[in-house]
Amino acid sequence: MLNIDIKQAATCFPDLLQKTIEGNEVLITQNGQPIVKLIDVRKKRKKKRQFGSAKGLIKMADDFDATPEDFQDYMR
């Protein structure tokens, strides 16, 4: 990620846009504090999670909700 002061960014904005298009992220700062982040919005994002995509991958034991014998003393 490229960090650049806002005054410098104003003089070389086309270059910063080109760097962003090439895949870099540009953080523009003012007085050392970040104020703007340039990113390429065309950048491929992670796929959204799809409901039910793990179907059949997770199995629960038949006695899942049964109290284990070790804990019987605590249940009294």
PDB file of N, CA and C in Angstrom:
ATOM      1  N   MET A   1       0.849  -1.165   0.000  1.00  0.00           N
ATOM      2  CA  MET A   1       0.000   0.000   0.000  1.00  0.00           C
ATOM      3  C   MET A   1       0.897   1.230   0.000  1.00  0.00           C
ATOM      4  N   LEU A   2       0.568   2.159  -0.846  1.00  0.00           N
ATOM      5  CA  LEU A   2       1.328   3.384  -0.990  1.00  0.00           C
ATOM      6  C   LEU A   2       0.700   4.473  -0.135  1.00  0.00           C
ATOM      7  N   ASN A   3       1.480   5.092   0.753  1.00  0.00           N
ATOM      8  CA  ASN A   3       1.004   6.212   1.566  1.00  0.00           C
ATOM      9  C   ASN A   3       1.560   7.492   0.987  1.00  0.00           C
ATOM     10  N   ILE A   4       0.702   8.493   0.811  1.00  0.00           N
ATOM     11  CA  ILE A   4       1.135   9.757   0.233  1.00  0.00           C
ATOM     12  C   ILE A   4       0.351  10.897   0.865  1.00  0.00           C
ATOM     13  N   ASP A   5       1.020  12.020   1.097  1.00  0.00           N
ATOM     14  CA  ASP A   5       0.384  13.196   1.667  1.00  0.00           C
ATOM     15  C   ASP A   5      -0.549  13.834   0.642  1.00  0.00           C
ATOM     16  N   ILE A   6      -1.593  14.459   1.106  1.00  0.00           N
ATOM     17  CA  ILE A   6      -2.608  15.031   0.228  1.00  0.00           C
ATOM     18  C   ILE A   6      -2.030  16.088  -0.715  1.00  0.00           C
ATOM     19  N   LYS A   7      -1.046  16.848  -0.254  1.00  0.00           N
ATOM     20  CA  LYS A   7      -0.439  17.880  -1.106  1.00  0.00           C
ATOM     21  C   LYS A   7       0.331  17.245  -2.258  1.00  0.00           C
ATOM     22  N   GLN A   8       1.043  16.160  -1.973  1.00  0.00           N
ATOM     23  CA  GLN A   8       1.756  15.442  -3.030  1.00  0.00           C
ATOM     24  C   GLN A   8       0.768  14.755  -3.968  1.00  0.00           C
ATOM     25  N   ALA A   9      -0.326  14.232  -3.400  1.00  0.00           N
ATOM     26  CA  ALA A   9      -1.322  13.529  -4.206  1.00  0.00           C
ATOM     27  C   ALA A   9      -1.967  14.465  -5.220  1.00  0.00           C
ATOM     28  N   ALA A  10      -2.148  15.722  -4.842  1.00  0.00           N
ATOM     29  CA  ALA A  10      -2.776  16.687  -5.743  1.00  0.00           C
ATOM     30  C   ALA A  10      -1.917  16.927  -6.986  1.00  0.00           C
ATOM     31  N   THR A  11      -0.607  16.825  -6.849  1.00  0.00           N
ATOM     32  CA  THR A  11       0.271  17.097  -7.990  1.00  0.00           C
ATOM     33  C   THR A  11       0.457  15.887  -8.895  1.00  0.00           C
ATOM     34  N   CYS A  12       0.218  14.690  -8.380  1.00  0.00           N
ATOM     35  CA  CYS A  12       0.460  13.490  -9.198  1.00  0.00           C
ATOM     36  C   CYS A  12      -0.750  12.553  -9.211  1.00  0.00           C
ATOM     37  N   PHE A  13      -1.950  13.114  -9.184  1.00  0.00           N
ATOM     38  CA  PHE A  13      -3.170  12.308  -9.115  1.00  0.00           C
ATOM     39  C   PHE A  13      -3.303  11.310 -10.265  1.00  0.00           C
ATOM     40  N   PRO A  14      -3.014  11.704 -11.519  1.00  0.00           N
ATOM     41  CA  PRO A  14      -3.111  10.710 -12.606  1.00  0.00           C
ATOM     42  C   PRO A  14      -2.192   9.497 -12.397  1.00  0.00           C
ATOM     43  N   ASP A  15      -1.012   9.741 -11.854  1.00  0.00           N
ATOM     44  CA  ASP A  15      -0.091   8.631 -11.572  1.00  0.00           C
ATOM     45  C   ASP A  15      -0.655   7.713 -10.484  1.00  0.00           C
ATOM     46  N   LEU A  16      -1.289   8.315  -9.484  1.00  0.00           N
ATOM     47  CA  LEU A  16      -1.891   7.523  -8.404  1.00  0.00           C
ATOM     48  C   LEU A  16      -3.040   6.671  -8.934  1.00  0.00           C
ATOM     49  N   LEU A  17      -3.820   7.248  -9.839  1.00  0.00           N
ATOM     50  CA  LEU A  17      -4.902   6.470 -10.447  1.00  0.00           C
ATOM     51  C   LEU A  17      -4.346   5.290 -11.231  1.00  0.00           C
ATOM     52  N   GLN A  18      -3.274   5.507 -11.958  1.00  0.00           N
ATOM     53  CA  GLN A  18      -2.660   4.423 -12.727  1.00  0.00           C
ATOM     54  C   GLN A  18      -2.145   3.321 -11.805  1.00  0.00           C
ATOM     55  N   LYS A  19      -1.525   3.713 -10.698  1.00  0.00           N
ATOM     56  CA  LYS A  19      -1.035   2.716  -9.737  1.00  0.00           C
ATOM     57  C   LYS A  19      -2.202   1.915  -9.164  1.00  0.00           C
ATOM     58  N   THR A  20      -3.324   2.592  -8.921  1.00  0.00           N
ATOM     59  CA  THR A  20      -4.514   1.913  -8.398  1.00  0.00           C
ATOM     60  C   THR A  20      -5.052   0.918  -9.424  1.00  0.00           C
ATOM     61  N   ILE A  21      -5.098   1.330 -10.679  1.00  0.00           N
ATOM     62  CA  ILE A  21      -5.576   0.450 -11.750  1.00  0.00           C
ATOM     63  C   ILE A  21      -4.681  -0.776 -11.881  1.00  0.00           C
ATOM     64  N   GLU A  22      -3.398  -0.605 -11.609  1.00  0.00           N
ATOM     65  CA  GLU A  22      -2.442  -1.720 -11.694  1.00  0.00           C
ATOM     66  C   GLU A  22      -2.543  -2.674 -10.512  1.00  0.00           C
ATOM     67  N   GLY A  23      -3.420  -2.358  -9.553  1.00  0.00           N
ATOM     68  CA  GLY A  23      -3.646  -3.284  -8.439  1.00  0.00           C
ATOM     69  C   GLY A  23      -3.146  -2.811  -7.092  1.00  0.00           C
ATOM     70  N   ASN A  24      -2.526  -1.647  -7.031  1.00  0.00           N
ATOM     71  CA  ASN A  24      -2.044  -1.121  -5.756  1.00  0.00           C
ATOM     72  C   ASN A  24      -3.154  -0.364  -5.038  1.00  0.00           C
ATOM     73  N   GLU A  25      -3.060  -0.304  -3.730  1.00  0.00           N
ATOM     74  CA  GLU A  25      -3.951   0.539  -2.951  1.00  0.00           C
ATOM     75  C   GLU A  25      -3.168   1.779  -2.561  1.00  0.00           C
ATOM     76  N   VAL A  26      -3.813   2.936  -2.597  1.00  0.00           N
ATOM     77  CA  VAL A  26      -3.161   4.200  -2.283  1.00  0.00           C
ATOM     78  C   VAL A  26      -3.895   4.830  -1.105  1.00  0.00           C
ATOM     79  N   LEU A  27      -3.152   5.141  -0.056  1.00  0.00           N
ATOM     80  CA  LEU A  27      -3.715   5.780   1.129  1.00  0.00           C
ATOM     81  C   LEU A  27      -3.240   7.226   1.143  1.00  0.00           C
ATOM     82  N   ILE A  28      -4.180   8.149   1.079  1.00  0.00           N
ATOM     83  CA  ILE A  28      -3.849   9.572   1.094  1.00  0.00           C
ATOM     84  C   ILE A  28      -4.018  10.069   2.525  1.00  0.00           C
ATOM     85  N   THR A  29      -2.989  10.763   3.017  1.00  0.00           N
ATOM     86  CA  THR A  29      -2.983  11.223   4.401  1.00  0.00           C
ATOM     87  C   THR A  29      -2.938  12.744   4.474  1.00  0.00           C
ATOM     88  N   GLN A  30      -3.347  13.250   5.628  1.00  0.00           N
ATOM     89  CA  GLN A  30      -3.252  14.677   5.913  1.00  0.00           C
ATOM     90  C   GLN A  30      -2.773  14.799   7.343  1.00  0.00           C
ATOM     91  N   ASN A  31      -1.647  15.482   7.517  1.00  0.00           N
ATOM     92  CA  ASN A  31      -1.019  15.602   8.841  1.00  0.00           C
ATOM     93  C   ASN A  31      -0.752  14.232   9.454  1.00  0.00           C
ATOM     94  N   GLY A  32      -0.390  13.254   8.619  1.00  0.00           N
ATOM     95  CA  GLY A  32      -0.062  11.919   9.089  1.00  0.00           C
ATOM     96  C   GLY A  32      -1.259  11.023   9.364  1.00  0.00           C
ATOM     97  N   GLN A  33      -2.476  11.544   9.191  1.00  0.00           N
ATOM     98  CA  GLN A  33      -3.681  10.768   9.449  1.00  0.00           C
ATOM     99  C   GLN A  33      -4.321  10.352   8.126  1.00  0.00           C
ATOM    100  N   PRO A  34      -4.703   9.095   7.975  1.00  0.00           N
ATOM    101  CA  PRO A  34      -5.344   8.654   6.730  1.00  0.00           C
ATOM    102  C   PRO A  34      -6.708   9.320   6.543  1.00  0.00           C
ATOM    103  N   ILE A  35      -6.969   9.792   5.304  1.00  0.00           N
ATOM    104  CA  ILE A  35      -8.266  10.415   5.032  1.00  0.00           C
ATOM    105  C   ILE A  35      -8.974   9.787   3.830  1.00  0.00           C
ATOM    106  N   VAL A  36      -8.200   9.251   2.870  1.00  0.00           N
ATOM    107  CA  VAL A  36      -8.796   8.672   1.669  1.00  0.00           C
ATOM    108  C   VAL A  36      -8.011   7.430   1.276  1.00  0.00           C
ATOM    109  N   LYS A  37      -8.736   6.399   0.819  1.00  0.00           N
ATOM    110  CA  LYS A  37      -8.095   5.190   0.324  1.00  0.00           C
ATOM    111  C   LYS A  37      -8.589   4.954  -1.096  1.00  0.00           C
ATOM    112  N   LEU A  38      -7.657   4.893  -2.040  1.00  0.00           N
ATOM    113  CA  LEU A  38      -8.001   4.622  -3.430  1.00  0.00           C
ATOM    114  C   LEU A  38      -7.843   3.138  -3.694  1.00  0.00           C
ATOM    115  N   ILE A  39      -8.902   2.508  -4.222  1.00  0.00           N
ATOM    116  CA  ILE A  39      -8.855   1.097  -4.589  1.00  0.00           C
ATOM    117  C   ILE A  39      -9.539   0.923  -5.936  1.00  0.00           C
ATOM    118  N   ASP A  40      -9.196  -0.119  -6.628  1.00  0.00           N
ATOM    119  CA  ASP A  40      -9.825  -0.440  -7.901  1.00  0.00           C
ATOM    120  C   ASP A  40     -11.122  -1.190  -7.604  1.00  0.00           C
ATOM    121  N   VAL A  41     -12.262  -0.593  -7.946  1.00  0.00           N
ATOM    122  CA  VAL A  41     -13.549  -1.226  -7.639  1.00  0.00           C
ATOM    123  C   VAL A  41     -13.822  -2.421  -8.536  1.00  0.00           C
ATOM    124  N   ARG A  42     -13.063  -2.554  -9.605  1.00  0.00           N
ATOM    125  CA  ARG A  42     -13.240  -3.701 -10.486  1.00  0.00           C
ATOM    126  C   ARG A  42     -12.531  -4.931  -9.945  1.00  0.00           C
ATOM    127  N   LYS A  43     -11.755  -4.751  -8.912  1.00  0.00           N
ATOM    128  CA  LYS A  43     -11.007  -5.852  -8.323  1.00  0.00           C
ATOM    129  C   LYS A  43     -11.972  -6.948  -7.891  1.00  0.00           C
ATOM    130  N   LYS A  44     -11.661  -8.156  -8.247  1.00  0.00           N
ATOM    131  CA  LYS A  44     -12.543  -9.278  -7.963  1.00  0.00           C
ATOM    132  C   LYS A  44     -12.635  -9.496  -6.458  1.00  0.00           C
ATOM    133  N   ARG A  45     -13.835  -9.531  -5.967  1.00  0.00           N
ATOM    134  CA  ARG A  45     -14.093  -9.735  -4.544  1.00  0.00           C
ATOM    135  C   ARG A  45     -14.310 -11.218  -4.273  1.00  0.00           C
ATOM    136  N   LYS A  46     -14.194 -11.563  -3.001  1.00  0.00           N
ATOM    137  CA  LYS A  46     -14.480 -12.937  -2.607  1.00  0.00           C
ATOM    138  C   LYS A  46     -15.937 -13.241  -2.885  1.00  0.00           C
ATOM    139  N   LYS A  47     -16.202 -14.473  -3.187  1.00  0.00           N
ATOM    140  CA  LYS A  47     -17.583 -14.884  -3.430  1.00  0.00           C
ATOM    141  C   LYS A  47     -18.395 -14.740  -2.158  1.00  0.00           C
ATOM    142  N   LYS A  48     -19.657 -14.357  -2.318  1.00  0.00           N
ATOM    143  CA  LYS A  48     -20.548 -14.280  -1.174  1.00  0.00           C
ATOM    144  C   LYS A  48     -20.841 -15.687  -0.686  1.00  0.00           C
ATOM    145  N   ARG A  49     -21.046 -15.795   0.597  1.00  0.00           N
ATOM    146  CA  ARG A  49     -21.401 -17.086   1.167  1.00  0.00           C
ATOM    147  C   ARG A  49     -22.781 -17.482   0.681  1.00  0.00           C
ATOM    148  N   GLN A  50     -22.929 -18.741   0.395  1.00  0.00           N
ATOM    149  CA  GLN A  50     -24.204 -19.228  -0.105  1.00  0.00           C
ATOM    150  C   GLN A  50     -24.828 -20.140   0.939  1.00  0.00           C
ATOM    151  N   PHE A  51     -26.077 -19.848   1.286  1.00  0.00           N
ATOM    152  CA  PHE A  51     -26.796 -20.645   2.270  1.00  0.00           C
ATOM    153  C   PHE A  51     -26.893 -22.094   1.819  1.00  0.00           C
ATOM    154  N   GLY A  52     -26.524 -23.005   2.704  1.00  0.00           N
ATOM    155  CA  GLY A  52     -26.643 -24.424   2.412  1.00  0.00           C
ATOM    156  C   GLY A  52     -25.443 -25.022   1.698  1.00  0.00           C
ATOM    157  N   SER A  53     -24.377 -24.247   1.533  1.00  0.00           N
ATOM    158  CA  SER A  53     -23.232 -24.753   0.774  1.00  0.00           C
ATOM    159  C   SER A  53     -22.464 -25.855   1.514  1.00  0.00           C
ATOM    160  N   ALA A  54     -22.658 -25.986   2.832  1.00  0.00           N
ATOM    161  CA  ALA A  54     -21.974 -27.026   3.599  1.00  0.00           C
ATOM    162  C   ALA A  54     -22.875 -28.228   3.863  1.00  0.00           C
ATOM    163  N   LYS A  55     -24.002 -28.273   3.182  1.00  0.00           N
ATOM    164  CA  LYS A  55     -24.948 -29.367   3.403  1.00  0.00           C
ATOM    165  C   LYS A  55     -24.269 -30.710   3.137  1.00  0.00           C
ATOM    166  N   GLY A  56     -24.416 -31.623   4.106  1.00  0.00           N
ATOM    167  CA  GLY A  56     -23.828 -32.948   3.979  1.00  0.00           C
ATOM    168  C   GLY A  56     -22.395 -33.038   4.486  1.00  0.00           C
ATOM    169  N   LEU A  57     -21.787 -31.917   4.824  1.00  0.00           N
ATOM    170  CA  LEU A  57     -20.402 -31.931   5.293  1.00  0.00           C
ATOM    171  C   LEU A  57     -20.289 -32.037   6.809  1.00  0.00           C
ATOM    172  N   ILE A  58     -21.366 -31.703   7.519  1.00  0.00           N
ATOM    173  CA  ILE A  58     -21.345 -31.691   8.972  1.00  0.00           C
ATOM    174  C   ILE A  58     -22.296 -32.757   9.483  1.00  0.00           C
ATOM    175  N   LYS A  59     -21.799 -33.583  10.392  1.00  0.00           N
ATOM    176  CA  LYS A  59     -22.613 -34.652  10.979  1.00  0.00           C
ATOM    177  C   LYS A  59     -22.666 -34.458  12.491  1.00  0.00           C
ATOM    178  N   MET A  60     -23.835 -34.686  13.062  1.00  0.00           N
ATOM    179  CA  MET A  60     -23.999 -34.611  14.515  1.00  0.00           C
ATOM    180  C   MET A  60     -24.259 -36.009  15.051  1.00  0.00           C
ATOM    181  N   ALA A  61     -23.684 -36.281  16.176  1.00  0.00           N
ATOM    182  CA  ALA A  61     -23.878 -37.580  16.808  1.00  0.00           C
ATOM    183  C   ALA A  61     -25.321 -37.714  17.261  1.00  0.00           C
ATOM    184  N   ASP A  62     -25.835 -38.949  17.292  1.00  0.00           N
ATOM    185  CA  ASP A  62     -27.213 -39.189  17.709  1.00  0.00           C
ATOM    186  C   ASP A  62     -27.450 -38.737  19.153  1.00  0.00           C
ATOM    187  N   ASP A  63     -26.406 -38.840  19.982  1.00  0.00           N
ATOM    188  CA  ASP A  63     -26.550 -38.465  21.395  1.00  0.00           C
ATOM    189  C   ASP A  63     -25.991 -37.060  21.662  1.00  0.00           C
ATOM    190  N   PHE A  64     -26.061 -36.198  20.693  1.00  0.00           N
ATOM    191  CA  PHE A  64     -25.492 -34.853  20.800  1.00  0.00           C
ATOM    192  C   PHE A  64     -25.990 -34.103  22.032  1.00  0.00           C
ATOM    193  N   ASP A  65     -27.281 -34.136  22.286  1.00  0.00           N
ATOM    194  CA  ASP A  65     -27.837 -33.369  23.401  1.00  0.00           C
ATOM    195  C   ASP A  65     -28.004 -34.181  24.685  1.00  0.00           C
ATOM    196  N   ALA A  66     -27.473 -35.380  24.726  1.00  0.00           N
ATOM    197  CA  ALA A  66     -27.524 -36.201  25.942  1.00  0.00           C
ATOM    198  C   ALA A  66     -26.423 -35.755  26.896  1.00  0.00           C
ATOM    199  N   THR A  67     -26.725 -35.786  28.193  1.00  0.00           N
ATOM    200  CA  THR A  67     -25.737 -35.401  29.197  1.00  0.00           C
ATOM    201  C   THR A  67     -24.703 -36.512  29.342  1.00  0.00           C
ATOM    202  N   PRO A  68     -23.413 -36.192  29.221  1.00  0.00           N
ATOM    203  CA  PRO A  68     -22.369 -37.217  29.392  1.00  0.00           C
ATOM    204  C   PRO A  68     -22.383 -37.763  30.823  1.00  0.00           C
ATOM    205  N   GLU A  69     -21.992 -39.008  30.970  1.00  0.00           N
ATOM    206  CA  GLU A  69     -21.977 -39.642  32.283  1.00  0.00           C
ATOM    207  C   GLU A  69     -21.103 -38.876  33.266  1.00  0.00           C
ATOM    208  N   ASP A  70     -20.031 -38.278  32.807  1.00  0.00           N
ATOM    209  CA  ASP A  70     -19.109 -37.532  33.674  1.00  0.00           C
ATOM    210  C   ASP A  70     -19.816 -36.375  34.384  1.00  0.00           C
ATOM    211  N   PHE A  71     -20.881 -35.847  33.814  1.00  0.00           N
ATOM    212  CA  PHE A  71     -21.541 -34.683  34.352  1.00  0.00           C
ATOM    213  C   PHE A  71     -22.821 -35.009  35.127  1.00  0.00           C
ATOM    214  N   GLN A  72     -23.136 -36.252  35.281  1.00  0.00           N
ATOM    215  CA  GLN A  72     -24.371 -36.656  35.973  1.00  0.00           C
ATOM    216  C   GLN A  72     -24.380 -36.111  37.408  1.00  0.00           C
ATOM    217  N   ASP A  73     -23.209 -36.097  38.078  1.00  0.00           N
ATOM    218  CA  ASP A  73     -23.145 -35.615  39.464  1.00  0.00           C
ATOM    219  C   ASP A  73     -23.490 -34.126  39.538  1.00  0.00           C
ATOM    220  N   TYR A  74     -23.185 -33.371  38.527  1.00  0.00           N
ATOM    221  CA  TYR A  74     -23.463 -31.934  38.539  1.00  0.00           C
ATOM    222  C   TYR A  74     -24.931 -31.625  38.255  1.00  0.00           C
ATOM    223  N   MET A  75     -25.661 -32.566  37.733  1.00  0.00           N
ATOM    224  CA  MET A  75     -27.046 -32.352  37.360  1.00  0.00           C
ATOM    225  C   MET A  75     -28.022 -32.559  38.518  1.00  0.00           C
ATOM    226  N   ARG A  76     -27.561 -33.045  39.616  1.00  0.00           N
ATOM    227  CA  ARG A  76     -28.450 -33.335  40.766  1.00  0.00           C
ATOM    228  C   ARG A  76     -28.639 -32.146  41.633  1.00  0.00           C
TER     229      ARG A  76
END
